[in-house]
Protein backbone atom coordinates (compact mmCIF):
# COMPACT_ATOMS: atom_id res chain seq x y z
CA MET A 1 -37.69 -9.69 13.85
CA GLU A 2 -39.71 -12.75 12.88
CA GLN A 3 -41.70 -11.66 10.13
CA ASN A 4 -43.77 -14.80 9.78
CA TRP A 5 -45.13 -14.28 13.24
CA ILE A 6 -46.32 -10.85 12.29
CA LYS A 7 -48.01 -12.22 9.16
CA GLU A 8 -49.58 -14.87 11.28
CA PHE A 9 -50.89 -12.42 13.70
CA LYS A 10 -52.51 -10.19 10.95
CA GLN A 11 -54.30 -13.30 9.63
CA TYR A 12 -55.54 -14.03 12.86
CA LEU A 13 -56.94 -10.40 13.22
CA VAL A 14 -58.56 -10.44 9.82
CA ILE A 15 -59.96 -14.10 9.79
CA GLU A 16 -60.75 -14.95 13.57
CA ARG A 17 -61.28 -11.42 14.89
CA GLN A 18 -62.83 -10.01 11.72
CA TYR A 19 -61.05 -6.71 12.43
CA SER A 20 -61.33 -3.82 9.86
CA ILE A 21 -58.36 -2.83 7.50
CA GLU A 22 -58.10 0.28 9.41
CA THR A 23 -57.62 -1.52 12.68
CA LEU A 24 -55.30 -3.93 11.16
CA LYS A 25 -53.02 -0.86 9.92
CA ALA A 26 -53.25 0.51 13.32
CA TYR A 27 -51.92 -2.80 14.91
CA SER A 28 -49.18 -3.18 11.99
CA GLU A 29 -48.02 0.35 12.70
CA ASP A 30 -47.78 -0.05 16.35
CA ILE A 31 -45.75 -3.30 15.97
CA ARG A 32 -43.41 -1.64 13.39
CA MET A 33 -42.81 1.35 15.57
CA PHE A 34 -41.71 -1.17 18.45
CA CYS A 35 -39.53 -2.84 15.92
CA ASP A 36 -37.84 0.29 14.69
CA PHE A 37 -37.13 1.29 18.30
CA LEU A 38 -35.54 -1.93 19.12
CA GLN A 39 -33.35 -1.88 16.16
CA GLU A 40 -32.41 1.80 16.65
CA SER A 41 -31.65 1.67 20.29
CA GLY A 42 -29.92 -1.73 20.24
CA GLY A 43 -32.48 -3.67 21.85
CA SER A 44 -33.02 -7.47 21.57
CA THR A 45 -33.43 -8.40 17.85
CA SER A 46 -36.02 -11.37 18.60
CA PHE A 47 -39.41 -11.21 19.87
CA GLY A 48 -38.73 -13.91 22.25
CA GLU A 49 -35.71 -12.17 23.88
CA ILE A 50 -37.68 -9.01 24.67
CA LYS A 51 -37.45 -8.23 28.60
CA ARG A 52 -39.06 -5.83 30.97
CA LEU A 53 -35.95 -3.47 30.49
CA ASP A 54 -36.77 -3.26 26.86
CA VAL A 55 -40.33 -2.45 27.64
CA HIS A 56 -39.29 0.20 30.16
CA ALA A 57 -36.97 1.79 27.66
CA TYR A 58 -39.88 1.83 24.90
CA MET A 59 -42.23 3.40 27.31
CA ASN A 60 -39.69 6.18 28.08
CA PHE A 61 -39.19 6.60 24.31
CA LEU A 62 -42.90 7.15 23.69
CA TYR A 63 -43.21 9.57 26.44
CA ASP A 64 -40.24 11.42 24.91
CA LYS A 65 -42.09 11.53 21.75
CA GLN A 66 -44.90 13.37 23.62
CA TYR A 67 -47.70 11.13 22.63
CA GLN A 68 -50.96 11.35 24.47
CA THR A 69 -51.68 9.02 27.14
CA THR A 70 -54.43 7.40 25.06
CA THR A 71 -52.08 6.95 22.19
CA ILE A 72 -49.68 4.99 24.28
CA SER A 73 -52.23 2.99 25.78
CA ARG A 74 -53.51 1.96 22.43
CA MET A 75 -49.79 1.13 21.51
CA ILE A 76 -49.17 -0.84 24.35
CA SER A 77 -52.63 -2.76 23.90
CA SER A 78 -51.66 -3.70 20.45
CA LEU A 79 -48.22 -5.29 21.67
CA ARG A 80 -49.86 -6.97 24.36
CA SER A 81 -52.39 -8.50 21.99
CA PHE A 82 -49.42 -9.40 19.87
CA TYR A 83 -47.62 -11.04 22.43
CA HIS A 84 -50.57 -12.80 23.90
CA PHE A 85 -51.08 -14.39 20.43
CA LEU A 86 -47.40 -15.27 20.25
CA GLU A 87 -47.49 -16.90 23.76
CA LYS A 88 -50.76 -18.82 22.97
CA ASN A 89 -49.16 -20.21 19.81
CA GLY A 90 -45.95 -21.63 21.59
CA HIS A 91 -43.72 -18.70 19.85
CA VAL A 92 -42.57 -17.04 22.98
CA ASP A 93 -42.52 -18.04 26.87
CA ASN A 94 -44.05 -15.06 28.13
CA ASN A 95 -45.74 -11.68 27.51
CA PRO A 96 -43.46 -8.77 28.45
CA PHE A 97 -46.28 -6.39 28.08
CA SER A 98 -48.59 -7.99 30.43
CA TYR A 99 -47.54 -6.34 33.43
CA VAL A 100 -47.64 -2.68 31.81
CA GLN A 101 -50.24 -0.46 33.57
CA LEU A 102 -50.70 3.11 32.47
CA LYS A 103 -51.59 5.58 35.14
CA ARG A 104 -52.95 9.10 35.03
CA HIS A 105 -49.97 10.53 36.95
CA PRO A 106 -46.77 11.65 35.19
CA ARG A 107 -44.44 9.22 33.70
CA ALA A 108 -41.84 7.22 35.87
CA LEU A 109 -38.51 8.65 36.36
CA PRO A 110 -35.87 7.47 33.69
CA ARG A 111 -33.18 4.98 35.00
CA PHE A 112 -29.77 6.27 35.31
CA PHE A 113 -26.42 5.03 36.86
CA TYR A 114 -24.80 6.96 39.89
CA GLU A 115 -21.28 8.24 39.49
CA LYS A 116 -19.97 5.22 41.63
CA GLU A 117 -21.80 2.89 39.32
CA MET A 118 -20.35 4.59 36.14
CA GLN A 119 -16.97 4.13 37.75
CA ALA A 120 -17.47 0.43 38.14
CA LEU A 121 -18.34 0.16 34.55
CA PHE A 122 -15.25 2.05 33.43
CA ASN A 123 -13.02 -0.08 35.70
CA ALA A 124 -14.53 -3.29 33.86
CA THR A 125 -13.19 -1.70 30.58
CA GLN A 126 -9.49 -1.29 31.69
CA GLY A 127 -6.81 -3.34 30.08
CA ASP A 128 -4.68 -3.78 27.05
CA ASP A 129 -6.60 -6.13 24.97
CA LEU A 130 -7.91 -4.65 21.79
CA MET A 131 -11.37 -5.13 22.51
CA ARG A 132 -11.27 -3.64 26.09
CA ILE A 133 -9.65 -0.68 24.73
CA ARG A 134 -12.49 -0.24 22.21
CA ASP A 135 -14.98 -0.87 24.99
CA ASN A 136 -13.46 1.87 27.01
CA ALA A 137 -13.50 4.27 23.99
CA LEU A 138 -17.25 3.41 23.40
CA LEU A 139 -18.39 3.86 26.96
CA GLU A 140 -16.37 6.97 27.47
CA THR A 141 -18.05 8.39 24.15
CA LEU A 142 -21.64 7.37 25.05
CA TYR A 143 -21.17 8.84 28.51
CA ALA A 144 -19.39 12.05 27.64
CA THR A 145 -21.94 13.07 24.88
CA GLY A 146 -25.23 11.46 25.71
CA MET A 147 -25.75 10.54 22.16
CA ARG A 148 -28.12 8.02 20.78
CA VAL A 149 -27.17 4.75 20.06
CA SER A 150 -27.99 5.34 16.34
CA GLU A 151 -26.14 8.41 16.40
CA CYS A 152 -23.15 6.50 17.96
CA THR A 153 -23.22 3.59 15.30
CA GLY A 154 -23.39 6.50 12.51
CA LEU A 155 -20.40 8.35 13.95
CA LYS A 156 -17.79 9.01 11.36
CA LEU A 157 -14.23 10.19 11.81
CA ASN A 158 -14.50 13.37 9.96
CA ALA A 159 -17.20 14.21 12.63
CA ILE A 160 -14.96 14.27 15.45
CA ASP A 161 -12.88 17.57 15.82
CA SER A 162 -10.00 16.61 18.41
CA GLU A 163 -8.67 20.18 18.54
CA VAL A 164 -11.65 21.71 19.92
CA ARG A 165 -12.87 18.29 21.47
CA ALA A 166 -16.40 18.25 19.83
CA MET A 167 -18.32 15.77 17.65
CA LEU A 168 -21.08 16.69 15.08
CA LEU A 169 -23.83 14.27 15.59
CA HIS A 170 -26.72 13.54 13.10
CA GLY A 171 -30.00 13.25 15.05
CA LYS A 172 -33.35 12.38 14.41
CA GLY A 173 -35.21 14.26 11.62
CA GLY A 174 -32.03 15.08 9.95
CA LYS A 175 -31.21 17.69 12.82
CA ASP A 176 -27.53 18.08 13.41
CA ARG A 177 -25.89 19.28 16.73
CA TYR A 178 -22.37 19.82 17.91
CA VAL A 179 -21.63 18.26 21.31
CA PRO A 180 -18.42 18.74 23.14
CA TYR A 181 -16.44 16.00 25.13
CA GLY A 182 -13.91 15.99 27.77
CA LYS A 183 -10.16 14.78 28.04
CA TYR A 184 -11.28 11.33 29.39
CA CYS A 185 -13.08 10.64 26.13
CA GLN A 186 -10.20 12.22 24.10
CA ARG A 187 -7.60 10.21 25.62
CA ALA A 188 -9.64 6.98 25.10
CA LEU A 189 -10.43 7.71 21.47
CA GLU A 190 -6.87 8.37 20.77
CA ARG A 191 -5.72 4.96 22.34
CA TYR A 192 -8.52 3.31 20.52
CA PHE A 193 -7.58 4.76 17.05
CA LYS A 194 -4.09 3.82 17.44
CA ASN A 195 -4.09 0.36 19.11
CA THR A 196 -7.55 -1.02 17.83
CA ARG A 197 -9.22 0.44 15.00
CA THR A 198 -6.33 1.10 12.70
CA PRO A 199 -4.62 -2.34 13.26
CA LEU A 200 -8.15 -4.11 12.74
CA ILE A 201 -8.77 -1.91 9.66
CA GLN A 202 -5.58 -2.86 8.04
CA LYS A 203 -5.77 -6.57 9.07
CA PHE A 204 -9.10 -7.13 7.42
CA HIS A 205 -8.58 -4.75 4.49
CA LYS A 206 -11.67 -2.73 5.28
CA GLU A 207 -12.39 0.70 3.77
CA HIS A 208 -14.91 2.78 5.70
CA ASP A 209 -14.72 5.75 7.89
CA TYR A 210 -17.03 4.72 10.76
CA VAL A 211 -15.53 5.22 14.31
CA PHE A 212 -16.40 2.16 16.05
CA VAL A 213 -15.74 -1.32 14.71
CA ASN A 214 -16.19 -4.97 15.77
CA HIS A 215 -13.45 -7.37 16.02
CA TYR A 216 -13.51 -7.93 12.21
CA GLY A 217 -13.16 -4.25 11.40
CA ASP A 218 -16.76 -3.94 10.34
CA PRO A 219 -18.84 -1.02 11.50
CA LEU A 220 -20.41 -1.64 14.88
CA THR A 221 -24.30 -2.14 14.71
CA ALA A 222 -26.85 -1.07 17.54
CA ALA A 223 -27.13 -4.52 18.54
CA GLY A 224 -23.33 -4.82 18.95
CA VAL A 225 -23.37 -1.92 21.25
CA THR A 226 -25.88 -3.34 23.34
CA TYR A 227 -23.98 -6.84 23.64
CA ILE A 228 -20.76 -4.84 24.46
CA LEU A 229 -22.52 -2.84 27.33
CA LYS A 230 -23.97 -6.19 28.75
CA GLN A 231 -20.55 -7.84 28.80
CA ILE A 232 -19.08 -4.69 30.50
CA VAL A 233 -21.81 -5.20 33.17
CA LYS A 234 -20.98 -8.87 33.65
CA ARG A 235 -17.25 -8.04 34.22
CA SER A 236 -18.13 -5.29 36.63
CA SER A 237 -19.22 -5.25 40.29
CA LEU A 238 -22.81 -4.39 39.49
CA THR A 239 -25.70 -6.76 39.53
CA THR A 240 -28.00 -4.76 37.23
CA GLU A 241 -29.11 -4.88 33.63
CA ILE A 242 -28.08 -2.18 31.09
CA HIS A 243 -30.08 -0.53 28.24
CA PRO A 244 -28.03 1.71 25.93
CA HIS A 245 -30.49 4.54 26.43
CA GLU A 246 -29.69 4.52 30.06
CA LEU A 247 -26.30 6.04 29.48
CA ARG A 248 -28.09 8.90 27.60
CA HIS A 249 -30.32 9.42 30.91
CA THR A 250 -27.32 9.14 32.87
CA PHE A 251 -25.45 11.99 30.96
CA ALA A 252 -28.29 14.25 31.22
CA THR A 253 -28.97 13.51 35.06
CA HIS A 254 -25.23 14.23 35.95
CA LEU A 255 -25.21 17.54 34.11
CA MET A 256 -28.39 18.58 35.95
CA SER A 257 -27.22 17.32 39.20
CA ASN A 258 -24.08 19.38 39.10
CA GLY A 259 -25.99 22.64 38.26
CA ALA A 260 -26.31 22.64 34.24
CA ASP A 261 -28.92 24.90 32.65
CA LEU A 262 -31.94 23.07 31.47
CA ARG A 263 -31.97 24.67 28.13
CA ALA A 264 -28.21 23.76 27.78
CA VAL A 265 -29.10 19.91 28.60
CA GLN A 266 -31.86 20.27 25.99
CA GLU A 267 -29.46 21.34 23.28
CA LEU A 268 -27.00 18.68 24.08
CA LEU A 269 -29.59 16.02 24.06
CA GLY A 270 -31.08 17.29 20.71
CA HIS A 271 -34.46 17.50 22.14
CA SER A 272 -36.75 19.62 20.19
CA SER A 273 -39.05 20.45 22.98
CA LEU A 274 -37.97 21.59 26.44
CA SER A 275 -40.80 19.74 27.98
CA THR A 276 -38.84 16.51 27.07
CA THR A 277 -35.91 17.56 29.00
CA GLN A 278 -37.81 18.68 32.00
CA ILE A 279 -37.95 14.91 33.29
CA TYR A 280 -34.37 15.42 34.42
CA THR A 281 -35.43 18.19 36.76
CA HIS A 282 -35.98 15.20 39.19
CA VAL A 283 -32.45 15.65 40.44
CA THR A 284 -33.22 19.04 42.13
CA LYS A 285 -35.34 17.02 44.73
CA GLU A 286 -32.19 15.36 45.58
CA HIS A 287 -30.52 18.63 46.39
CA LEU A 288 -33.54 19.54 48.50
CA GLN A 289 -33.10 16.48 50.59
CA ASN A 290 -29.34 17.02 51.03
CA ASP A 291 -29.85 20.59 52.07
CA TYR A 292 -32.85 19.65 54.30
CA ARG A 293 -30.75 16.95 56.06
CA LYS A 294 -27.83 19.34 56.33
CA PHE A 295 -29.37 22.58 57.66
CA PHE A 296 -32.66 21.43 59.24
CA PRO A 297 -31.95 20.85 63.15
CA ARG A 298 -34.48 17.86 63.30
CA ALA A 299 -33.96 16.30 59.84
């Protein structure tokens, strides 16, 4: 992120707005949290590239953290003021936070992909090219486990147990959890290890045990994951945008829609509180609608 812009903004708050040191600290912390989220989730790496999708994902992140509405309102206000400053000084073209309005009703439902949309994404990763094989394994892994992007980029070879088909994920706050994965993911990983990862590691003489690599054999970054997913969408028949966190929402939504227990989903996602997972119960409403149309004579 553009540290000089942040420095200019702080000077503006102190000199022109004459804010107190405590207020300055609050603004700085709100901006830092947003930057940390973007780096961890694989969002845009420049303030000028932030889009509404990034803002939407960040809002979901703040709700997941169970902040009070007043706290979230303050955080968004800080970022709105920061972007207003950047826009006024010609650093960015628009303010992505200008449209955000916090309401008192419950949070908006998370964005997710329907099964047909996921199939379109998988179709876009088919092929024998080294990177297509990598892309397929990456997509299968993200969808099969619901892991965070930071957990994906930090995934190492010894964390995968292919015999029992489970992965040891290192989550937030040092919390570890085992997550199973299916045969589709297993086949994709085996093909990736044989045809892509091993040849690239040997070709460029790399020595590390991270699972996913770029075309130089180096460990894949969060920004790299985001770029890959965007390229997959461009190659697919879909016309939507994609944020890595949406695959995590998709994983949870598809589990719930097929009858999974809420506490099981909580454990698989690594949520510390069940209330965070309850947002996915929205899929039960779809079941109600389907049953209503099927059984009610005047539906």
